[in-house]
Amino acid sequence: MSTQELTQEQIRLIGLEVLARELGATGLIRFLQMYEQGSGDYTSERANILSNQKVAQIAERVSRQRSEEPPR
Protein backbone atom coordinates (compact mmCIF):
# COMPACT_ATOMS: atom_id res chain seq x y z
CA MET A 1 0.00 0.00 0.00
CA SER A 2 1.31 3.44 -0.95
CA THR A 3 1.60 6.08 1.76
CA GLN A 4 -0.38 8.35 -0.55
CA GLU A 5 -3.38 6.08 0.02
CA LEU A 6 -3.15 6.32 3.82
CA THR A 7 -4.97 8.87 5.94
CA GLN A 8 -3.05 11.19 8.25
CA GLU A 9 -4.26 9.13 11.21
CA GLN A 10 -3.06 5.87 9.65
CA ILE A 11 0.37 7.36 8.99
CA ARG A 12 0.53 8.63 12.58
CA LEU A 13 -0.35 5.22 14.01
CA ILE A 14 2.12 3.38 11.78
CA GLY A 15 4.82 5.86 12.76
CA LEU A 16 4.14 5.34 16.45
CA GLU A 17 4.24 1.57 15.99
CA VAL A 18 7.61 1.76 14.23
CA LEU A 19 9.04 4.07 16.87
CA ALA A 20 7.84 1.81 19.67
CA ARG A 21 9.29 -1.25 17.96
CA GLU A 22 12.65 0.35 17.19
CA LEU A 23 13.11 2.51 20.29
CA GLY A 24 11.13 0.63 22.90
CA ALA A 25 8.59 2.26 25.20
CA THR A 26 11.06 4.54 26.96
CA GLY A 27 12.65 5.65 23.70
CA LEU A 28 9.24 6.35 22.19
CA ILE A 29 8.28 8.50 25.17
CA ARG A 30 11.57 10.38 25.04
CA PHE A 31 11.10 10.99 21.31
CA LEU A 32 7.56 12.27 21.78
CA GLN A 33 8.67 14.59 24.59
CA MET A 34 10.97 16.39 22.14
CA TYR A 35 7.92 17.57 20.23
CA GLU A 36 5.16 19.53 21.82
CA GLN A 37 2.03 21.06 20.43
CA GLY A 38 2.60 24.72 19.76
CA SER A 39 0.16 27.46 20.55
CA GLY A 40 -1.09 30.44 18.67
CA ASP A 41 -2.08 30.92 15.06
CA TYR A 42 1.01 30.76 12.85
CA THR A 43 -0.84 31.89 9.72
CA SER A 44 -2.29 34.96 11.41
CA GLU A 45 0.99 35.85 13.12
CA ARG A 46 2.93 35.43 9.88
CA ALA A 47 0.48 37.66 8.04
CA ASN A 48 0.91 40.37 10.68
CA ILE A 49 4.70 40.16 10.61
CA LEU A 50 5.02 40.16 6.83
CA SER A 51 1.97 42.23 5.84
CA ASN A 52 3.87 45.43 5.10
CA GLN A 53 6.90 43.85 3.47
CA LYS A 54 7.47 43.23 -0.18
CA VAL A 55 9.14 40.05 -1.46
CA ALA A 56 12.18 42.05 -2.54
CA GLN A 57 12.59 43.44 0.99
CA ILE A 58 12.41 39.97 2.53
CA ALA A 59 14.89 38.58 -0.03
CA GLU A 60 17.30 41.44 0.68
CA ARG A 61 17.12 40.78 4.43
CA VAL A 62 17.77 37.06 3.90
CA SER A 63 20.75 37.80 1.64
CA ARG A 64 22.18 40.26 4.15
CA GLN A 65 21.83 37.78 7.03
CA ARG A 66 23.43 35.00 4.99
CA SER A 67 26.43 37.16 4.13
CA GLU A 68 26.91 38.01 7.83
CA GLU A 69 26.87 34.35 8.99
CA PRO A 70 30.23 32.83 9.81
CA PRO A 71 31.27 29.95 7.52
CA ARG A 72 30.43 26.49 8.81
C-alpha atoms as a PDB file:
ATOM      1  CA  MET A   1       0.000   0.000   0.000  1.00  0.00           C
ATOM      2  CA  SER A   2       1.310   3.437  -0.949  1.00  0.00           C
ATOM      3  CA  THR A   3       1.597   6.080   1.756  1.00  0.00           C
ATOM      4  CA  GLN A   4      -0.375   8.353  -0.551  1.00  0.00           C
ATOM      5  CA  GLU A   5      -3.378   6.075   0.023  1.00  0.00           C
ATOM      6  CA  LEU A   6      -3.148   6.325   3.819  1.00  0.00           C
ATOM      7  CA  THR A   7      -4.967   8.869   5.935  1.00  0.00           C
ATOM      8  CA  GLN A   8      -3.046  11.186   8.252  1.00  0.00           C
ATOM      9  CA  GLU A   9      -4.259   9.132  11.209  1.00  0.00           C
ATOM     10  CA  GLN A  10      -3.062   5.868   9.647  1.00  0.00           C
ATOM     11  CA  ILE A  11       0.373   7.359   8.986  1.00  0.00           C
ATOM     12  CA  ARG A  12       0.534   8.634  12.576  1.00  0.00           C
ATOM     13  CA  LEU A  13      -0.347   5.221  14.010  1.00  0.00           C
ATOM     14  CA  ILE A  14       2.118   3.379  11.784  1.00  0.00           C
ATOM     15  CA  GLY A  15       4.819   5.862  12.756  1.00  0.00           C
ATOM     16  CA  LEU A  16       4.141   5.336  16.450  1.00  0.00           C
ATOM     17  CA  GLU A  17       4.244   1.565  15.994  1.00  0.00           C
ATOM     18  CA  VAL A  18       7.606   1.764  14.228  1.00  0.00           C
ATOM     19  CA  LEU A  19       9.039   4.072  16.869  1.00  0.00           C
ATOM     20  CA  ALA A  20       7.837   1.810  19.668  1.00  0.00           C
ATOM     21  CA  ARG A  21       9.292  -1.251  17.960  1.00  0.00           C
ATOM     22  CA  GLU A  22      12.648   0.352  17.190  1.00  0.00           C
ATOM     23  CA  LEU A  23      13.114   2.512  20.289  1.00  0.00           C
ATOM     24  CA  GLY A  24      11.127   0.631  22.905  1.00  0.00           C
ATOM     25  CA  ALA A  25       8.587   2.259  25.201  1.00  0.00           C
ATOM     26  CA  THR A  26      11.059   4.543  26.957  1.00  0.00           C
ATOM     27  CA  GLY A  27      12.653   5.655  23.699  1.00  0.00           C
ATOM     28  CA  LEU A  28       9.242   6.347  22.193  1.00  0.00           C
ATOM     29  CA  ILE A  29       8.283   8.500  25.174  1.00  0.00           C
ATOM     30  CA  ARG A  30      11.571  10.385  25.042  1.00  0.00           C
ATOM     31  CA  PHE A  31      11.103  10.987  21.309  1.00  0.00           C
ATOM     32  CA  LEU A  32       7.557  12.272  21.777  1.00  0.00           C
ATOM     33  CA  GLN A  33       8.674  14.585  24.586  1.00  0.00           C
ATOM     34  CA  MET A  34      10.966  16.390  22.138  1.00  0.00           C
ATOM     35  CA  TYR A  35       7.919  17.573  20.225  1.00  0.00           C
ATOM     36  CA  GLU A  36       5.160  19.527  21.820  1.00  0.00           C
ATOM     37  CA  GLN A  37       2.031  21.061  20.430  1.00  0.00           C
ATOM     38  CA  GLY A  38       2.598  24.719  19.757  1.00  0.00           C
ATOM     39  CA  SER A  39       0.157  27.459  20.550  1.00  0.00           C
ATOM     40  CA  GLY A  40      -1.092  30.440  18.667  1.00  0.00           C
ATOM     41  CA  ASP A  41      -2.081  30.918  15.056  1.00  0.00           C
ATOM     42  CA  TYR A  42       1.007  30.758  12.846  1.00  0.00           C
ATOM     43  CA  THR A  43      -0.838  31.890   9.720  1.00  0.00           C
ATOM     44  CA  SER A  44      -2.287  34.961  11.411  1.00  0.00           C
ATOM     45  CA  GLU A  45       0.993  35.855  13.122  1.00  0.00           C
ATOM     46  CA  ARG A  46       2.933  35.429   9.878  1.00  0.00           C
ATOM     47  CA  ALA A  47       0.477  37.663   8.039  1.00  0.00           C
ATOM     48  CA  ASN A  48       0.911  40.367  10.681  1.00  0.00           C
ATOM     49  CA  ILE A  49       4.701  40.157  10.611  1.00  0.00           C
ATOM     50  CA  LEU A  50       5.015  40.160   6.832  1.00  0.00           C
ATOM     51  CA  SER A  51       1.970  42.232   5.839  1.00  0.00           C
ATOM     52  CA  ASN A  52       3.870  45.429   5.098  1.00  0.00           C
ATOM     53  CA  GLN A  53       6.900  43.852   3.470  1.00  0.00           C
ATOM     54  CA  LYS A  54       7.469  43.229  -0.180  1.00  0.00           C
ATOM     55  CA  VAL A  55       9.139  40.046  -1.456  1.00  0.00           C
ATOM     56  CA  ALA A  56      12.179  42.055  -2.544  1.00  0.00           C
ATOM     57  CA  GLN A  57      12.593  43.441   0.993  1.00  0.00           C
ATOM     58  CA  ILE A  58      12.411  39.970   2.528  1.00  0.00           C
ATOM     59  CA  ALA A  59      14.885  38.581  -0.026  1.00  0.00           C
ATOM     60  CA  GLU A  60      17.299  41.441   0.685  1.00  0.00           C
ATOM     61  CA  ARG A  61      17.124  40.783   4.430  1.00  0.00           C
ATOM     62  CA  VAL A  62      17.767  37.058   3.903  1.00  0.00           C
ATOM     63  CA  SER A  63      20.749  37.802   1.639  1.00  0.00           C
ATOM     64  CA  ARG A  64      22.175  40.256   4.151  1.00  0.00           C
ATOM     65  CA  GLN A  65      21.832  37.784   7.029  1.00  0.00           C
ATOM     66  CA  ARG A  66      23.433  34.997   4.993  1.00  0.00           C
ATOM     67  CA  SER A  67      26.428  37.164   4.129  1.00  0.00           C
ATOM     68  CA  GLU A  68      26.908  38.009   7.831  1.00  0.00           C
ATOM     69  CA  GLU A  69      26.875  34.355   8.985  1.00  0.00           C
ATOM     70  CA  PRO A  70      30.230  32.830   9.805  1.00  0.00           C
ATOM     71  CA  PRO A  71      31.273  29.949   7.524  1.00  0.00           C
ATOM     72  CA  ARG A  72      30.427  26.491   8.807  1.00  0.00           C
END
